[in-house]
Protein backbone atom coordinates (compact mmCIF):
# COMPACT_ATOMS: atom_id res chain seq x y z
CA MET A 1 -18.94 3.45 -13.80
CA TYR A 2 -18.34 3.54 -10.06
CA LYS A 3 -17.88 0.97 -7.30
CA ASN A 4 -21.59 0.71 -6.42
CA GLU A 5 -22.45 -0.07 -10.05
CA LEU A 6 -19.79 -2.77 -10.17
CA ASP A 7 -21.12 -4.24 -6.91
CA LYS A 8 -24.61 -4.47 -8.43
CA ALA A 9 -23.22 -6.16 -11.55
CA ILE A 10 -21.36 -8.70 -9.42
CA ALA A 11 -24.49 -9.38 -7.36
CA ASN A 12 -26.55 -9.82 -10.53
CA ARG A 13 -23.84 -11.94 -12.17
CA SER A 14 -23.79 -9.60 -15.13
CA ILE A 15 -20.11 -8.70 -15.18
CA SER A 16 -17.94 -8.51 -18.26
CA ASN A 17 -14.69 -10.40 -18.88
CA SER A 18 -12.57 -7.26 -19.40
CA PHE A 19 -11.97 -4.49 -16.86
CA VAL A 20 -10.17 -1.15 -16.70
CA PHE A 21 -9.71 -0.16 -13.06
CA PHE A 22 -8.38 3.28 -12.11
CA GLY A 23 -8.89 6.06 -9.58
CA GLU A 24 -7.67 7.31 -6.23
CA SER A 25 -7.82 4.04 -4.28
CA SER A 26 -5.12 1.55 -5.22
CA PHE A 27 -6.38 -0.67 -2.40
CA LEU A 28 -9.85 -1.06 -3.96
CA ILE A 29 -8.34 -1.61 -7.42
CA ASP A 30 -6.29 -4.49 -6.05
CA MET A 31 -9.12 -5.85 -3.90
CA TYR A 32 -11.61 -6.13 -6.77
CA THR A 33 -8.96 -7.58 -9.09
CA LYS A 34 -8.25 -10.28 -6.51
CA ILE A 35 -11.97 -11.03 -6.10
CA LEU A 36 -12.79 -11.18 -9.82
CA SER A 37 -9.65 -13.06 -10.86
CA HIS A 38 -10.25 -15.84 -8.34
CA VAL A 39 -11.08 -18.50 -10.90
CA GLU A 40 -10.28 -22.14 -10.24
CA ASP A 41 -7.60 -23.67 -12.50
CA ALA A 42 -7.12 -20.41 -14.42
CA SER A 43 -3.81 -19.61 -16.09
CA ILE A 44 -2.88 -16.14 -14.79
CA LEU A 45 -0.23 -13.88 -16.29
CA THR A 46 0.51 -10.70 -14.31
CA TYR A 47 2.69 -7.77 -15.41
CA TYR A 48 3.92 -5.25 -12.84
CA HIS A 49 4.80 -1.77 -14.06
CA ASP A 50 7.70 -1.93 -16.57
CA GLU A 51 7.35 -5.69 -17.08
CA TYR A 52 4.49 -5.26 -19.57
CA ASN A 53 5.16 -6.74 -23.00
CA PHE A 54 2.47 -6.41 -25.64
CA SER A 55 3.48 -9.44 -27.72
CA SER A 56 3.39 -11.91 -24.84
CA ALA A 57 0.26 -10.29 -23.37
CA LYS A 58 -1.50 -10.66 -26.72
CA ALA A 59 -0.30 -14.25 -27.04
CA HIS A 60 -1.67 -15.12 -23.59
CA LEU A 61 -5.17 -13.90 -24.47
CA SER A 62 -5.00 -15.37 -27.98
CA GLN A 63 -4.03 -18.91 -27.11
CA ALA A 64 -6.60 -21.55 -26.35
CA SER A 65 -6.24 -23.26 -23.00
CA LEU A 66 -4.97 -26.83 -23.21
CA PHE A 67 -7.36 -28.20 -20.60
CA GLY A 68 -10.33 -25.92 -21.02
CA ASP A 69 -9.23 -23.53 -18.25
CA ARG A 70 -9.49 -19.78 -18.55
CA ASN A 71 -6.58 -17.47 -19.35
CA ILE A 72 -6.39 -14.35 -17.21
CA LEU A 73 -4.18 -11.34 -18.00
CA ILE A 74 -3.50 -8.67 -15.36
CA ILE A 75 -1.52 -5.49 -16.13
CA LYS A 76 -0.61 -3.28 -13.14
CA SER A 77 1.07 -0.03 -14.08
CA GLU A 78 1.39 3.68 -13.35
CA LYS A 79 2.06 4.16 -17.07
CA LYS A 80 -0.64 4.06 -19.71
CA VAL A 81 -0.80 1.13 -22.08
CA PRO A 82 -0.84 2.57 -25.65
CA LYS A 83 -4.44 2.89 -26.86
CA LYS A 84 -4.00 0.64 -29.91
CA GLU A 85 -2.49 -2.11 -27.76
CA LEU A 86 -5.19 -1.76 -25.11
CA ASP A 87 -7.93 -1.89 -27.77
CA THR A 88 -6.36 -5.05 -29.20
CA LEU A 89 -6.26 -6.79 -25.82
CA LEU A 90 -9.85 -5.78 -25.06
CA GLY A 91 -10.87 -6.96 -28.52
CA LEU A 92 -9.41 -10.39 -27.85
CA CYS A 93 -11.68 -10.69 -24.82
CA GLU A 94 -14.65 -9.74 -27.01
CA LYS A 95 -13.81 -12.68 -29.29
CA ASN A 96 -13.18 -15.17 -26.50
CA ARG A 97 -15.50 -14.78 -23.51
CA ASP A 98 -13.65 -17.48 -21.58
CA ASN A 99 -10.60 -15.27 -21.09
CA ILE A 100 -10.41 -12.38 -18.61
CA PHE A 101 -8.37 -9.16 -18.77
CA PHE A 102 -7.67 -6.59 -16.04
CA TYR A 103 -5.88 -3.33 -16.77
CA ASN A 104 -5.09 -1.63 -13.45
CA TYR A 105 -3.96 1.93 -14.02
CA TYR A 106 -2.40 3.52 -10.90
CA GLY A 107 -1.48 6.81 -12.55
CA SER A 108 -3.10 10.18 -11.86
CA ASP A 109 -4.59 10.94 -15.31
CA HIS A 110 -8.12 9.73 -14.65
CA LYS A 111 -9.71 11.70 -17.50
CA THR A 112 -8.48 9.23 -20.11
CA TYR A 113 -10.53 6.34 -18.76
CA ASN A 114 -13.31 8.30 -17.01
CA ASN A 115 -15.00 8.75 -20.37
CA LYS A 116 -17.91 6.75 -21.79
CA LYS A 117 -16.52 7.14 -25.30
CA ALA A 118 -13.18 5.55 -24.34
CA PHE A 119 -14.58 2.02 -24.57
CA ALA A 120 -17.67 2.56 -26.71
CA GLY A 121 -18.84 -0.56 -28.50
CA LYS A 122 -17.06 -2.89 -26.07
CA ASN A 123 -18.31 -4.86 -23.10
CA THR A 124 -15.42 -3.55 -21.02
CA MET A 125 -16.23 -2.38 -17.51
CA SER A 126 -14.30 0.82 -16.80
CA VAL A 127 -14.47 1.54 -13.06
CA ARG A 128 -13.18 4.52 -11.10
CA PHE A 129 -12.46 3.81 -7.44
CA PHE A 130 -12.46 6.68 -4.94
CA HIS A 131 -11.01 6.38 -1.46
CA PRO A 132 -13.61 4.54 0.62
CA LYS A 133 -15.70 6.58 3.03
CA GLU A 134 -15.27 5.97 6.74
CA TYR A 135 -18.08 3.44 7.07
CA GLU A 136 -16.95 1.65 3.87
CA ALA A 137 -13.36 1.43 5.10
CA GLN A 138 -14.56 0.06 8.43
CA ASN A 139 -16.70 -2.62 6.75
CA ILE A 140 -13.82 -3.63 4.48
CA LEU A 141 -11.47 -3.88 7.46
CA LEU A 142 -13.98 -6.03 9.36
CA HIS A 143 -14.37 -8.30 6.33
CA VAL A 144 -10.60 -8.71 5.90
CA ALA A 145 -10.28 -9.38 9.64
CA GLU A 146 -12.90 -12.13 9.37
CA GLU A 147 -10.97 -13.70 6.48
CA LYS A 148 -7.78 -13.63 8.56
CA LYS A 149 -9.64 -14.98 11.60
CA VAL A 150 -8.89 -11.86 13.64
CA GLN A 151 -11.57 -10.94 16.18
CA ILE A 152 -12.17 -7.20 16.12
CA ASP A 153 -15.27 -5.09 16.79
CA LYS A 154 -16.37 -1.89 15.02
CA PHE A 155 -14.96 0.39 17.71
CA SER A 156 -11.49 -1.20 17.58
CA ALA A 157 -11.58 -1.25 13.76
CA SER A 158 -12.35 2.47 13.76
CA HIS A 159 -9.49 3.07 16.20
CA LEU A 160 -7.05 1.16 13.97
CA LEU A 161 -8.15 3.14 10.92
CA ASN A 162 -7.78 6.44 12.79
CA LEU A 163 -4.20 5.53 13.73
CA HIS A 164 -3.48 5.36 10.00
CA ASN A 165 -5.50 8.44 9.05
CA GLY A 166 -8.09 6.28 7.29
CA ASP A 167 -5.57 4.44 5.09
CA ILE A 168 -7.34 1.11 4.59
CA ALA A 169 -4.29 -0.60 3.05
CA LEU A 170 -2.08 0.14 6.06
CA ALA A 171 -4.83 -0.83 8.51
CA CYS A 172 -5.43 -4.18 6.77
CA ASN A 173 -1.69 -4.92 6.75
CA GLU A 174 -1.63 -4.48 10.53
CA LEU A 175 -4.18 -7.28 11.06
CA ASP A 176 -1.50 -9.96 10.65
CA LYS A 177 0.02 -8.82 13.94
CA PHE A 178 -3.14 -9.89 15.77
CA ARG A 179 -3.54 -13.40 14.33
CA ILE A 180 -1.72 -14.82 17.36
CA PHE A 181 -4.59 -13.81 19.66
CA ASP A 182 -7.35 -16.32 20.38
CA ARG A 183 -9.59 -13.54 21.70
CA ALA A 184 -11.06 -10.26 20.52
CA ILE A 185 -8.41 -7.58 20.25
CA THR A 186 -8.84 -4.31 22.12
CA THR A 187 -7.80 -0.73 21.51
CA LYS A 188 -5.07 -1.30 24.10
CA ASP A 189 -3.69 -4.18 22.01
CA ILE A 190 -3.72 -1.90 18.98
CA ASP A 191 -1.93 0.90 20.82
CA THR A 192 0.70 -1.57 22.04
CA LEU A 193 1.43 -3.27 18.72
CA VAL A 194 0.66 -0.65 16.10
CA TYR A 195 2.48 2.49 15.20
CA GLY A 196 0.30 4.82 13.13
CA LEU A 197 2.34 5.45 9.97
CA GLY A 198 -0.19 8.03 8.97
CA GLU A 199 0.61 10.40 11.86
CA VAL A 200 1.44 13.65 10.14
CA ASN A 201 3.12 15.44 13.06
CA LEU A 202 5.36 12.46 13.80
CA ASP A 203 6.22 12.14 10.12
CA ASP A 204 7.15 15.82 9.95
CA PHE A 205 9.17 15.45 13.13
CA ILE A 206 11.25 12.65 11.59
CA LYS A 207 11.86 14.65 8.42
CA LYS A 208 13.04 17.56 10.56
CA LEU A 209 15.45 15.21 12.33
CA LEU A 210 16.84 13.95 9.02
CA LEU A 211 17.33 17.49 7.74
CA LYS A 212 19.30 18.28 10.95
CA LYS A 213 16.87 20.98 12.05
CA ASP A 214 15.98 21.83 15.65
CA PHE A 215 13.43 19.28 16.86
CA LYS A 216 13.02 19.91 20.61
CA ASP A 217 9.70 21.82 20.46
CA ASP A 218 8.24 19.19 18.14
CA LEU A 219 9.36 16.40 20.45
CA LYS A 220 7.79 18.13 23.44
CA SER A 221 4.50 18.49 21.56
CA ILE A 222 4.49 14.84 20.46
CA LEU A 223 5.06 13.55 23.99
CA GLU A 224 2.44 15.91 25.43
CA HIS A 225 -0.11 14.52 22.96
CA GLY A 226 0.22 10.99 24.26
CA GLU A 227 3.10 9.35 22.41
CA ASP A 228 5.53 7.52 24.66
CA GLU A 229 9.29 7.55 24.17
CA ILE A 230 9.63 3.95 22.99
CA ARG A 231 6.97 4.42 20.30
CA VAL A 232 8.73 7.54 19.06
CA LEU A 233 11.96 5.57 18.85
CA ASN A 234 10.25 2.63 17.12
CA SER A 235 8.61 4.91 14.57
CA LEU A 236 11.99 6.48 13.78
CA THR A 237 13.53 3.01 13.37
CA ALA A 238 10.70 1.98 11.02
CA TYR A 239 11.13 5.14 8.95
CA ILE A 240 14.91 4.67 8.66
CA THR A 241 14.42 1.02 7.69
CA GLN A 242 12.04 2.08 4.94
CA LEU A 243 14.52 4.67 3.64
CA TYR A 244 17.26 2.04 3.61
CA MET A 245 15.01 -0.23 1.53
CA PHE A 246 14.55 2.62 -0.95
CA ASN A 247 18.30 3.23 -0.96
CA ILE A 248 19.15 -0.41 -1.74
CA TYR A 249 16.47 -0.70 -4.43
CA ILE A 250 17.56 2.49 -6.18
CA ARG A 251 21.24 1.50 -6.10
CA VAL A 252 20.40 -1.88 -7.67
CA ASN A 253 17.66 -0.88 -10.11
CA GLY A 254 18.26 2.81 -10.75
CA ALA A 255 14.76 3.99 -9.82
CA PRO A 256 12.28 3.34 -6.98
CA ASN A 257 9.26 1.05 -7.29
CA ALA A 258 6.80 1.58 -4.42
CA LEU A 259 4.91 -1.66 -5.05
CA GLU A 260 8.05 -3.77 -4.67
CA ILE A 261 9.57 -1.74 -1.82
CA LEU A 262 6.49 -1.04 0.30
CA GLY A 263 4.13 -3.74 -0.92
CA TYR A 264 1.56 -1.24 -2.18
CA PRO A 265 1.51 1.58 -4.77
CA ALA A 266 2.17 4.88 -2.97
CA PRO A 267 1.42 8.36 -4.36
CA LYS A 268 4.18 9.70 -6.61
CA PHE A 269 5.01 12.62 -4.32
CA VAL A 270 5.54 10.22 -1.38
CA VAL A 271 7.78 7.95 -3.46
CA ASP A 272 9.80 10.90 -4.79
CA GLU A 273 10.25 12.38 -1.33
CA LYS A 274 11.44 9.13 0.25
CA ALA A 275 13.67 8.31 -2.71
CA THR A 276 15.35 11.72 -2.46
CA LEU A 277 15.86 11.38 1.29
CA SER A 278 17.09 7.80 1.05
CA ILE A 279 20.03 8.51 -1.27
CA LYS A 280 21.37 11.26 1.00
CA PHE A 281 22.90 8.65 3.29
CA LYS A 282 25.46 5.90 2.73
CA PRO A 283 24.87 2.26 3.76
CA GLU A 284 27.38 2.64 6.61
CA THR A 285 25.35 5.57 7.97
CA TYR A 286 22.19 3.46 7.94
CA PHE A 287 24.05 0.75 9.85
CA GLN A 288 25.21 3.22 12.52
CA LEU A 289 21.74 4.75 12.84
CA HIS A 290 20.07 1.37 13.30
CA LYS A 291 22.69 0.34 15.85
CA LEU A 292 22.13 3.52 17.87
CA LEU A 293 18.34 3.21 17.81
CA LEU A 294 18.26 -0.46 18.77
CA GLU A 295 20.75 0.03 21.62
CA SER A 296 18.71 2.98 22.92
CA GLU A 297 15.48 0.97 22.77
CA LEU A 298 17.12 -1.76 24.84
CA LYS A 299 18.19 0.81 27.45
CA MET A 300 14.69 2.28 27.62
CA LYS A 301 13.19 -1.09 28.39
CA GLY A 302 15.27 -1.40 31.57
CA SER A 303 13.72 -0.68 34.95
CA HIS A 304 13.84 2.72 36.67
CA ILE A 305 15.11 4.44 33.54
CA ASP A 306 14.53 8.07 32.57
CA LYS A 307 13.18 7.39 29.07
CA ASN A 308 12.87 11.06 28.22
CA SER A 309 16.56 11.72 28.81
CA ILE A 310 17.61 8.66 26.83
CA LEU A 311 15.37 9.67 23.92
CA LEU A 312 16.70 13.23 23.82
CA SER A 313 20.30 12.02 24.01
CA THR A 314 19.66 9.46 21.27
CA LEU A 315 18.14 12.02 18.91
CA ILE A 316 21.06 14.40 19.39
CA ARG A 317 23.52 11.59 18.64
CA PHE A 318 21.29 10.54 15.73
CA GLN A 319 21.70 13.92 14.03
CA LYS A 320 25.46 13.87 14.58
CA LEU A 321 25.68 10.62 12.60
CA LEU A 322 23.98 12.14 9.57
């Protein structure tokens, strides 16, 4: 089934107690899991990625609650749960309607679960989530803003989404920055406090910098299209910080985990690209790069300063440190 069918089932109070969520939108998978798992006094067991253990998962759904609460099992993984194990867990929910099970598959093989025969004979709701359309993303953002007590109108919400190329997860994460305001936020507030991580040309520009390629024409184009020097510098600092987080995580754990590093599941090609870039540089290099960028930002914020010259000088020195 699809999102609209699930919405109708929720409205009609005819939902199941077992769910298989998959598809292109990790944000919607997580959002609906949060909504449907919000059960008072429930005992929730959540497995992230490689944490999954069939024996303990089975035990959680098999055991009776001591105080009459409901047991909820949530499995979040880019890997498939073996079919026999998944069938067993779903079967336990068939036997005990008080318990709830969510299997959130973030992988790219949607054919496995986008099949009516996959869960034939079970009450399981298998739902494929596509990336929300523009109006859907806007409505979701407005709803999340209301929950966080952030005042934002449709025009400003659309502007925030456009900064992030329609990425609803990134846009919703930005809302926390505006909770300090006791008024409606404007597009000017958004431009001041938000850097659009979805900007493709700026992203490509940073990669070119890191690969020690010539960047001057790209920089000229970026500035001509409205970016100011401090925002370019801040975006570079944010990107380097993210790479350093990847570097640390990989050195400690051996492999990257987007959910733990970024706070959301990113596409595999993005994770692989950032992981590869991150291990090119040593911790000392990251320290020197951050020091340079922060010192340059401080200089730029002085009065009567030629920001363009400082930025160009900083980027040249930046590449020399690599």
